[in-house]
Amino acid sequence: MGIESLIIFLIIGAIAGWLAGLLVKGYGFGVLGNIVVGIVGAFIAGWLFPALGLSLGTGVVAAIIHATIGAVVLLVLIRLIKRA
């Protein structure tokens, strides 16, 4: 992975984590935390979507939507674990 790919990966993770923090009220983790949530969310969605047979297409916008959905799933799981 080149430096350009890494920067794009981090930017998409940051945007996805920020969007997920907005969608799941009260669970933002700051800039670095949102980047981590977005990246982990992208991995979750990368595993979950093919298992369900779903595809959102290709491109940057699809990658952001993909990672955001995964990050929302992650934040909901974190919320459920914290309540227990």
PDB file of N, CA and C in Angstrom:
ATOM      1  N   MET A   1       0.851  -1.167   0.000  1.00  0.00           N
ATOM      2  CA  MET A   1       0.000   0.000   0.000  1.00  0.00           C
ATOM      3  C   MET A   1       0.899   1.233   0.000  1.00  0.00           C
ATOM      4  N   GLY A   2       0.657   2.117  -0.958  1.00  0.00           N
ATOM      5  CA  GLY A   2       1.429   3.346  -1.058  1.00  0.00           C
ATOM      6  C   GLY A   2       0.940   4.388  -0.070  1.00  0.00           C
ATOM      7  N   ILE A   3       1.693   5.453   0.049  1.00  0.00           N
ATOM      8  CA  ILE A   3       1.342   6.518   0.988  1.00  0.00           C
ATOM      9  C   ILE A   3       0.039   7.195   0.575  1.00  0.00           C
ATOM     10  N   GLU A   4      -0.203   7.317  -0.737  1.00  0.00           N
ATOM     11  CA  GLU A   4      -1.449   7.926  -1.196  1.00  0.00           C
ATOM     12  C   GLU A   4      -2.649   7.077  -0.797  1.00  0.00           C
ATOM     13  N   SER A   5      -2.529   5.770  -0.955  1.00  0.00           N
ATOM     14  CA  SER A   5      -3.612   4.860  -0.582  1.00  0.00           C
ATOM     15  C   SER A   5      -3.878   4.905   0.914  1.00  0.00           C
ATOM     16  N   LEU A   6      -2.829   5.000   1.693  1.00  0.00           N
ATOM     17  CA  LEU A   6      -2.972   5.077   3.141  1.00  0.00           C
ATOM     18  C   LEU A   6      -3.686   6.364   3.550  1.00  0.00           C
ATOM     19  N   ILE A   7      -3.333   7.464   2.925  1.00  0.00           N
ATOM     20  CA  ILE A   7      -3.979   8.741   3.241  1.00  0.00           C
ATOM     21  C   ILE A   7      -5.453   8.697   2.862  1.00  0.00           C
ATOM     22  N   ILE A   8      -5.774   8.157   1.696  1.00  0.00           N
ATOM     23  CA  ILE A   8      -7.173   8.043   1.274  1.00  0.00           C
ATOM     24  C   ILE A   8      -7.939   7.125   2.227  1.00  0.00           C
ATOM     25  N   PHE A   9      -7.308   6.031   2.632  1.00  0.00           N
ATOM     26  CA  PHE A   9      -7.918   5.092   3.577  1.00  0.00           C
ATOM     27  C   PHE A   9      -8.241   5.793   4.898  1.00  0.00           C
ATOM     28  N   LEU A  10      -7.326   6.600   5.396  1.00  0.00           N
ATOM     29  CA  LEU A  10      -7.546   7.332   6.646  1.00  0.00           C
ATOM     30  C   LEU A  10      -8.619   8.409   6.495  1.00  0.00           C
ATOM     31  N   ILE A  11      -8.653   9.080   5.353  1.00  0.00           N
ATOM     32  CA  ILE A  11      -9.673  10.108   5.133  1.00  0.00           C
ATOM     33  C   ILE A  11     -11.058   9.479   5.056  1.00  0.00           C
ATOM     34  N   ILE A  12     -11.178   8.369   4.340  1.00  0.00           N
ATOM     35  CA  ILE A  12     -12.466   7.674   4.260  1.00  0.00           C
ATOM     36  C   ILE A  12     -12.877   7.169   5.636  1.00  0.00           C
ATOM     37  N   GLY A  13     -11.931   6.646   6.405  1.00  0.00           N
ATOM     38  CA  GLY A  13     -12.221   6.201   7.767  1.00  0.00           C
ATOM     39  C   GLY A  13     -12.674   7.343   8.658  1.00  0.00           C
ATOM     40  N   ALA A  14     -12.038   8.494   8.515  1.00  0.00           N
ATOM     41  CA  ALA A  14     -12.412   9.656   9.330  1.00  0.00           C
ATOM     42  C   ALA A  14     -13.813  10.141   8.978  1.00  0.00           C
ATOM     43  N   ILE A  15     -14.110  10.217   7.694  1.00  0.00           N
ATOM     44  CA  ILE A  15     -15.447  10.659   7.273  1.00  0.00           C
ATOM     45  C   ILE A  15     -16.503   9.672   7.734  1.00  0.00           C
ATOM     46  N   ALA A  16     -16.231   8.386   7.553  1.00  0.00           N
ATOM     47  CA  ALA A  16     -17.190   7.353   7.955  1.00  0.00           C
ATOM     48  C   ALA A  16     -17.406   7.358   9.464  1.00  0.00           C
ATOM     49  N   GLY A  17     -16.339   7.504  10.237  1.00  0.00           N
ATOM     50  CA  GLY A  17     -16.468   7.554  11.690  1.00  0.00           C
ATOM     51  C   GLY A  17     -17.232   8.783  12.154  1.00  0.00           C
ATOM     52  N   TRP A  18     -16.983   9.923  11.501  1.00  0.00           N
ATOM     53  CA  TRP A  18     -17.705  11.149  11.840  1.00  0.00           C
ATOM     54  C   TRP A  18     -19.195  11.002  11.536  1.00  0.00           C
ATOM     55  N   LEU A  19     -19.513  10.470  10.355  1.00  0.00           N
ATOM     56  CA  LEU A  19     -20.918  10.261   9.991  1.00  0.00           C
ATOM     57  C   LEU A  19     -21.601   9.281  10.943  1.00  0.00           C
ATOM     58  N   ALA A  20     -20.896   8.223  11.301  1.00  0.00           N
ATOM     59  CA  ALA A  20     -21.469   7.244  12.231  1.00  0.00           C
ATOM     60  C   ALA A  20     -21.696   7.873  13.599  1.00  0.00           C
ATOM     61  N   GLY A  21     -20.776   8.739  14.032  1.00  0.00           N
ATOM     62  CA  GLY A  21     -20.955   9.445  15.297  1.00  0.00           C
ATOM     63  C   GLY A  21     -22.180  10.348  15.280  1.00  0.00           C
ATOM     64  N   LEU A  22     -22.486  10.930  14.116  1.00  0.00           N
ATOM     65  CA  LEU A  22     -23.682  11.757  13.992  1.00  0.00           C
ATOM     66  C   LEU A  22     -24.954  10.914  13.983  1.00  0.00           C
ATOM     67  N   LEU A  23     -24.887   9.763  13.320  1.00  0.00           N
ATOM     68  CA  LEU A  23     -26.064   8.901  13.206  1.00  0.00           C
ATOM     69  C   LEU A  23     -26.406   8.207  14.518  1.00  0.00           C
ATOM     70  N   VAL A  24     -25.387   7.802  15.258  1.00  0.00           N
ATOM     71  CA  VAL A  24     -25.599   7.146  16.545  1.00  0.00           C
ATOM     72  C   VAL A  24     -25.290   8.193  17.609  1.00  0.00           C
ATOM     73  N   LYS A  25     -26.307   8.873  18.051  1.00  0.00           N
ATOM     74  CA  LYS A  25     -26.149  10.020  18.946  1.00  0.00           C
ATOM     75  C   LYS A  25     -25.402   9.655  20.231  1.00  0.00           C
ATOM     76  N   GLY A  26     -24.485  10.523  20.627  1.00  0.00           N
ATOM     77  CA  GLY A  26     -23.801  10.373  21.894  1.00  0.00           C
ATOM     78  C   GLY A  26     -22.618   9.427  21.883  1.00  0.00           C
ATOM     79  N   TYR A  27     -22.206   8.944  20.716  1.00  0.00           N
ATOM     80  CA  TYR A  27     -21.105   8.002  20.679  1.00  0.00           C
ATOM     81  C   TYR A  27     -20.006   8.427  19.722  1.00  0.00           C
ATOM     82  N   GLY A  28     -19.600   9.692  19.790  1.00  0.00           N
ATOM     83  CA  GLY A  28     -18.437  10.148  19.057  1.00  0.00           C
ATOM     84  C   GLY A  28     -17.208   9.965  19.945  1.00  0.00           C
ATOM     85  N   PHE A  29     -16.078   9.658  19.343  1.00  0.00           N
ATOM     86  CA  PHE A  29     -14.870   9.396  20.118  1.00  0.00           C
ATOM     87  C   PHE A  29     -13.746  10.370  19.798  1.00  0.00           C
ATOM     88  N   GLY A  30     -14.069  11.534  19.252  1.00  0.00           N
ATOM     89  CA  GLY A  30     -13.033  12.481  18.869  1.00  0.00           C
ATOM     90  C   GLY A  30     -12.463  12.117  17.509  1.00  0.00           C
ATOM     91  N   VAL A  31     -11.529  12.906  17.027  1.00  0.00           N
ATOM     92  CA  VAL A  31     -11.007  12.722  15.674  1.00  0.00           C
ATOM     93  C   VAL A  31     -10.309  11.375  15.511  1.00  0.00           C
ATOM     94  N   LEU A  32      -9.360  11.063  16.378  1.00  0.00           N
ATOM     95  CA  LEU A  32      -8.636   9.796  16.247  1.00  0.00           C
ATOM     96  C   LEU A  32      -9.546   8.595  16.493  1.00  0.00           C
ATOM     97  N   GLY A  33     -10.419   8.722  17.473  1.00  0.00           N
ATOM     98  CA  GLY A  33     -11.361   7.637  17.748  1.00  0.00           C
ATOM     99  C   GLY A  33     -12.300   7.410  16.583  1.00  0.00           C
ATOM    100  N   ASN A  34     -12.752   8.495  15.939  1.00  0.00           N
ATOM    101  CA  ASN A  34     -13.629   8.362  14.784  1.00  0.00           C
ATOM    102  C   ASN A  34     -12.919   7.710  13.604  1.00  0.00           C
ATOM    103  N   ILE A  35     -11.644   8.022  13.422  1.00  0.00           N
ATOM    104  CA  ILE A  35     -10.877   7.369  12.359  1.00  0.00           C
ATOM    105  C   ILE A  35     -10.801   5.873  12.626  1.00  0.00           C
ATOM    106  N   VAL A  36     -10.505   5.503  13.854  1.00  0.00           N
ATOM    107  CA  VAL A  36     -10.420   4.079  14.209  1.00  0.00           C
ATOM    108  C   VAL A  36     -11.768   3.400  14.029  1.00  0.00           C
ATOM    109  N   VAL A  37     -12.843   4.043  14.491  1.00  0.00           N
ATOM    110  CA  VAL A  37     -14.188   3.474  14.346  1.00  0.00           C
ATOM    111  C   VAL A  37     -14.529   3.316  12.868  1.00  0.00           C
ATOM    112  N   GLY A  38     -14.193   4.303  12.045  1.00  0.00           N
ATOM    113  CA  GLY A  38     -14.454   4.219  10.615  1.00  0.00           C
ATOM    114  C   GLY A  38     -13.688   3.100   9.936  1.00  0.00           C
ATOM    115  N   ILE A  39     -12.418   2.931  10.307  1.00  0.00           N
ATOM    116  CA  ILE A  39     -11.600   1.873   9.709  1.00  0.00           C
ATOM    117  C   ILE A  39     -12.095   0.503  10.149  1.00  0.00           C
ATOM    118  N   VAL A  40     -12.360   0.347  11.433  1.00  0.00           N
ATOM    119  CA  VAL A  40     -12.892  -0.930  11.924  1.00  0.00           C
ATOM    120  C   VAL A  40     -14.270  -1.178  11.316  1.00  0.00           C
ATOM    121  N   GLY A  41     -15.058  -0.129  11.171  1.00  0.00           N
ATOM    122  CA  GLY A  41     -16.361  -0.255  10.530  1.00  0.00           C
ATOM    123  C   GLY A  41     -16.251  -0.711   9.085  1.00  0.00           C
ATOM    124  N   ALA A  42     -15.239  -0.232   8.376  1.00  0.00           N
ATOM    125  CA  ALA A  42     -15.019  -0.667   6.999  1.00  0.00           C
ATOM    126  C   ALA A  42     -14.696  -2.155   6.954  1.00  0.00           C
ATOM    127  N   PHE A  43     -13.897  -2.629   7.907  1.00  0.00           N
ATOM    128  CA  PHE A  43     -13.591  -4.065   7.966  1.00  0.00           C
ATOM    129  C   PHE A  43     -14.839  -4.882   8.305  1.00  0.00           C
ATOM    130  N   ILE A  44     -15.655  -4.375   9.227  1.00  0.00           N
ATOM    131  CA  ILE A  44     -16.898  -5.070   9.579  1.00  0.00           C
ATOM    132  C   ILE A  44     -17.815  -5.158   8.369  1.00  0.00           C
ATOM    133  N   ALA A  45     -17.996  -4.038   7.675  1.00  0.00           N
ATOM    134  CA  ALA A  45     -18.853  -4.028   6.494  1.00  0.00           C
ATOM    135  C   ALA A  45     -18.263  -4.884   5.374  1.00  0.00           C
ATOM    136  N   GLY A  46     -16.943  -4.901   5.259  1.00  0.00           N
ATOM    137  CA  GLY A  46     -16.281  -5.741   4.257  1.00  0.00           C
ATOM    138  C   GLY A  46     -16.502  -7.216   4.499  1.00  0.00           C
ATOM    139  N   TRP A  47     -16.715  -7.587   5.739  1.00  0.00           N
ATOM    140  CA  TRP A  47     -17.023  -8.977   6.061  1.00  0.00           C
ATOM    141  C   TRP A  47     -18.527  -9.245   5.977  1.00  0.00           C
ATOM    142  N   LEU A  48     -19.334  -8.294   6.467  1.00  0.00           N
ATOM    143  CA  LEU A  48     -20.779  -8.488   6.584  1.00  0.00           C
ATOM    144  C   LEU A  48     -21.501  -8.435   5.237  1.00  0.00           C
ATOM    145  N   PHE A  49     -21.173  -7.466   4.404  1.00  0.00           N
ATOM    146  CA  PHE A  49     -21.905  -7.302   3.144  1.00  0.00           C
ATOM    147  C   PHE A  49     -21.770  -8.503   2.219  1.00  0.00           C
ATOM    148  N   PRO A  50     -20.572  -9.027   1.973  1.00  0.00           N
ATOM    149  CA  PRO A  50     -20.492 -10.215   1.110  1.00  0.00           C
ATOM    150  C   PRO A  50     -21.209 -11.431   1.724  1.00  0.00           C
ATOM    151  N   ALA A  51     -21.189 -11.534   3.045  1.00  0.00           N
ATOM    152  CA  ALA A  51     -21.884 -12.648   3.694  1.00  0.00           C
ATOM    153  C   ALA A  51     -23.391 -12.564   3.468  1.00  0.00           C
ATOM    154  N   LEU A  52     -23.911 -11.333   3.364  1.00  0.00           N
ATOM    155  CA  LEU A  52     -25.338 -11.116   3.115  1.00  0.00           C
ATOM    156  C   LEU A  52     -25.661 -11.030   1.624  1.00  0.00           C
ATOM    157  N   GLY A  53     -24.634 -11.009   0.775  1.00  0.00           N
ATOM    158  CA  GLY A  53     -24.840 -10.916  -0.662  1.00  0.00           C
ATOM    159  C   GLY A  53     -25.158  -9.516  -1.139  1.00  0.00           C
ATOM    160  N   LEU A  54     -24.745  -8.490  -0.385  1.00  0.00           N
ATOM    161  CA  LEU A  54     -25.017  -7.096  -0.746  1.00  0.00           C
ATOM    162  C   LEU A  54     -23.798  -6.455  -1.395  1.00  0.00           C
ATOM    163  N   SER A  55     -24.043  -5.518  -2.304  1.00  0.00           N
ATOM    164  CA  SER A  55     -22.969  -4.766  -2.937  1.00  0.00           C
ATOM    165  C   SER A  55     -23.436  -3.340  -3.165  1.00  0.00           C
ATOM    166  N   LEU A  56     -22.608  -2.376  -2.817  1.00  0.00           N
ATOM    167  CA  LEU A  56     -22.947  -0.967  -3.008  1.00  0.00           C
ATOM    168  C   LEU A  56     -22.254  -0.359  -4.215  1.00  0.00           C
ATOM    169  N   GLY A  57     -21.435  -1.119  -4.887  1.00  0.00           N
ATOM    170  CA  GLY A  57     -20.716  -0.609  -6.039  1.00  0.00           C
ATOM    171  C   GLY A  57     -19.282  -0.271  -5.686  1.00  0.00           C
ATOM    172  N   THR A  58     -18.668   0.541  -6.540  1.00  0.00           N
ATOM    173  CA  THR A  58     -17.265   0.909  -6.347  1.00  0.00           C
ATOM    174  C   THR A  58     -17.137   2.425  -6.305  1.00  0.00           C
ATOM    175  N   GLY A  59     -15.976   2.879  -5.923  1.00  0.00           N
ATOM    176  CA  GLY A  59     -15.705   4.320  -5.877  1.00  0.00           C
ATOM    177  C   GLY A  59     -15.602   4.825  -4.456  1.00  0.00           C
ATOM    178  N   VAL A  60     -15.242   6.081  -4.340  1.00  0.00           N
ATOM    179  CA  VAL A  60     -15.009   6.696  -3.041  1.00  0.00           C
ATOM    180  C   VAL A  60     -16.312   6.846  -2.260  1.00  0.00           C
ATOM    181  N   VAL A  61     -17.375   7.290  -2.938  1.00  0.00           N
ATOM    182  CA  VAL A  61     -18.655   7.487  -2.243  1.00  0.00           C
ATOM    183  C   VAL A  61     -19.181   6.164  -1.721  1.00  0.00           C
ATOM    184  N   ALA A  62     -19.097   5.117  -2.533  1.00  0.00           N
ATOM    185  CA  ALA A  62     -19.530   3.787  -2.085  1.00  0.00           C
ATOM    186  C   ALA A  62     -18.678   3.307  -0.910  1.00  0.00           C
ATOM    187  N   ALA A  63     -17.378   3.599  -0.940  1.00  0.00           N
ATOM    188  CA  ALA A  63     -16.499   3.204   0.163  1.00  0.00           C
ATOM    189  C   ALA A  63     -16.876   3.938   1.449  1.00  0.00           C
ATOM    190  N   ILE A  64     -17.234   5.209   1.343  1.00  0.00           N
ATOM    191  CA  ILE A  64     -17.638   5.976   2.528  1.00  0.00           C
ATOM    192  C   ILE A  64     -18.946   5.433   3.087  1.00  0.00           C
ATOM    193  N   ILE A  65     -19.916   5.153   2.210  1.00  0.00           N
ATOM    194  CA  ILE A  65     -21.194   4.597   2.666  1.00  0.00           C
ATOM    195  C   ILE A  65     -20.973   3.230   3.296  1.00  0.00           C
ATOM    196  N   HIS A  66     -20.160   2.421   2.664  1.00  0.00           N
ATOM    197  CA  HIS A  66     -19.827   1.081   3.147  1.00  0.00           C
ATOM    198  C   HIS A  66     -19.220   1.150   4.546  1.00  0.00           C
ATOM    199  N   ALA A  67     -18.213   1.995   4.708  1.00  0.00           N
ATOM    200  CA  ALA A  67     -17.532   2.129   5.998  1.00  0.00           C
ATOM    201  C   ALA A  67     -18.445   2.753   7.049  1.00  0.00           C
ATOM    202  N   THR A  68     -19.307   3.666   6.650  1.00  0.00           N
ATOM    203  CA  THR A  68     -20.226   4.302   7.597  1.00  0.00           C
ATOM    204  C   THR A  68     -21.211   3.284   8.155  1.00  0.00           C
ATOM    205  N   ILE A  69     -21.759   2.450   7.300  1.00  0.00           N
ATOM    206  CA  ILE A  69     -22.690   1.417   7.768  1.00  0.00           C
ATOM    207  C   ILE A  69     -21.992   0.474   8.743  1.00  0.00           C
ATOM    208  N   GLY A  70     -20.774   0.075   8.413  1.00  0.00           N
ATOM    209  CA  GLY A  70     -20.015  -0.783   9.327  1.00  0.00           C
ATOM    210  C   GLY A  70     -19.705  -0.092  10.642  1.00  0.00           C
ATOM    211  N   ALA A  71     -19.388   1.206  10.588  1.00  0.00           N
ATOM    212  CA  ALA A  71     -19.096   1.965  11.810  1.00  0.00           C
ATOM    213  C   ALA A  71     -20.345   2.121  12.670  1.00  0.00           C
ATOM    214  N   VAL A  72     -21.508   2.305  12.038  1.00  0.00           N
ATOM    215  CA  VAL A  72     -22.763   2.390  12.799  1.00  0.00           C
ATOM    216  C   VAL A  72     -23.026   1.067  13.496  1.00  0.00           C
ATOM    217  N   VAL A  73     -22.801  -0.039  12.794  1.00  0.00           N
ATOM    218  CA  VAL A  73     -22.964  -1.361  13.421  1.00  0.00           C
ATOM    219  C   VAL A  73     -22.026  -1.488  14.618  1.00  0.00           C
ATOM    220  N   LEU A  74     -20.783  -1.050  14.456  1.00  0.00           N
ATOM    221  CA  LEU A  74     -19.818  -1.110  15.555  1.00  0.00           C
ATOM    222  C   LEU A  74     -20.258  -0.252  16.736  1.00  0.00           C
ATOM    223  N   LEU A  75     -20.729   0.964  16.481  1.00  0.00           N
ATOM    224  CA  LEU A  75     -21.156   1.845  17.573  1.00  0.00           C
ATOM    225  C   LEU A  75     -22.387   1.299  18.291  1.00  0.00           C
ATOM    226  N   VAL A  76     -23.301   0.688  17.553  1.00  0.00           N
ATOM    227  CA  VAL A  76     -24.472   0.076  18.191  1.00  0.00           C
ATOM    228  C   VAL A  76     -24.037  -1.092  19.072  1.00  0.00           C
ATOM    229  N   LEU A  77     -23.080  -1.891  18.601  1.00  0.00           N
ATOM    230  CA  LEU A  77     -22.563  -2.987  19.425  1.00  0.00           C
ATOM    231  C   LEU A  77     -21.874  -2.462  20.679  1.00  0.00           C
ATOM    232  N   ILE A  78     -21.105  -1.380  20.545  1.00  0.00           N
ATOM    233  CA  ILE A  78     -20.452  -0.782  21.710  1.00  0.00           C
ATOM    234  C   ILE A  78     -21.498  -0.287  22.703  1.00  0.00           C
ATOM    235  N   ARG A  79     -22.562   0.335  22.201  1.00  0.00           N
ATOM    236  CA  ARG A  79     -23.641   0.813  23.071  1.00  0.00           C
ATOM    237  C   ARG A  79     -24.289  -0.349  23.816  1.00  0.00           C
ATOM    238  N   LEU A  80     -24.540  -1.456  23.120  1.00  0.00           N
ATOM    239  CA  LEU A  80     -25.154  -2.610  23.771  1.00  0.00           C
ATOM    240  C   LEU A  80     -24.246  -3.220  24.838  1.00  0.00           C
ATOM    241  N   ILE A  81     -22.956  -3.265  24.566  1.00  0.00           N
ATOM    242  CA  ILE A  81     -22.006  -3.833  25.536  1.00  0.00           C
ATOM    243  C   ILE A  81     -21.878  -2.924  26.752  1.00  0.00           C
ATOM    244  N   LYS A  82     -21.864  -1.616  26.548  1.00  0.00           N
ATOM    245  CA  LYS A  82     -21.754  -0.687  27.680  1.00  0.00           C
ATOM    246  C   LYS A  82     -22.987  -0.719  28.573  1.00  0.00           C
ATOM    247  N   ARG A  83     -24.158  -0.992  27.996  1.00  0.00           N
ATOM    248  CA  ARG A  83     -25.386  -1.072  28.810  1.00  0.00           C
ATOM    249  C   ARG A  83     -25.435  -2.330  29.653  1.00  0.00           C
ATOM    250  N   ALA A  84     -24.797  -3.388  29.175  1.00  0.00           N
ATOM    251  CA  ALA A  84     -24.863  -4.670  29.893  1.00  0.00           C
ATOM    252  C   ALA A  84     -24.006  -4.674  31.135  1.00  0.00           C
TER     253      ALA A  84
END
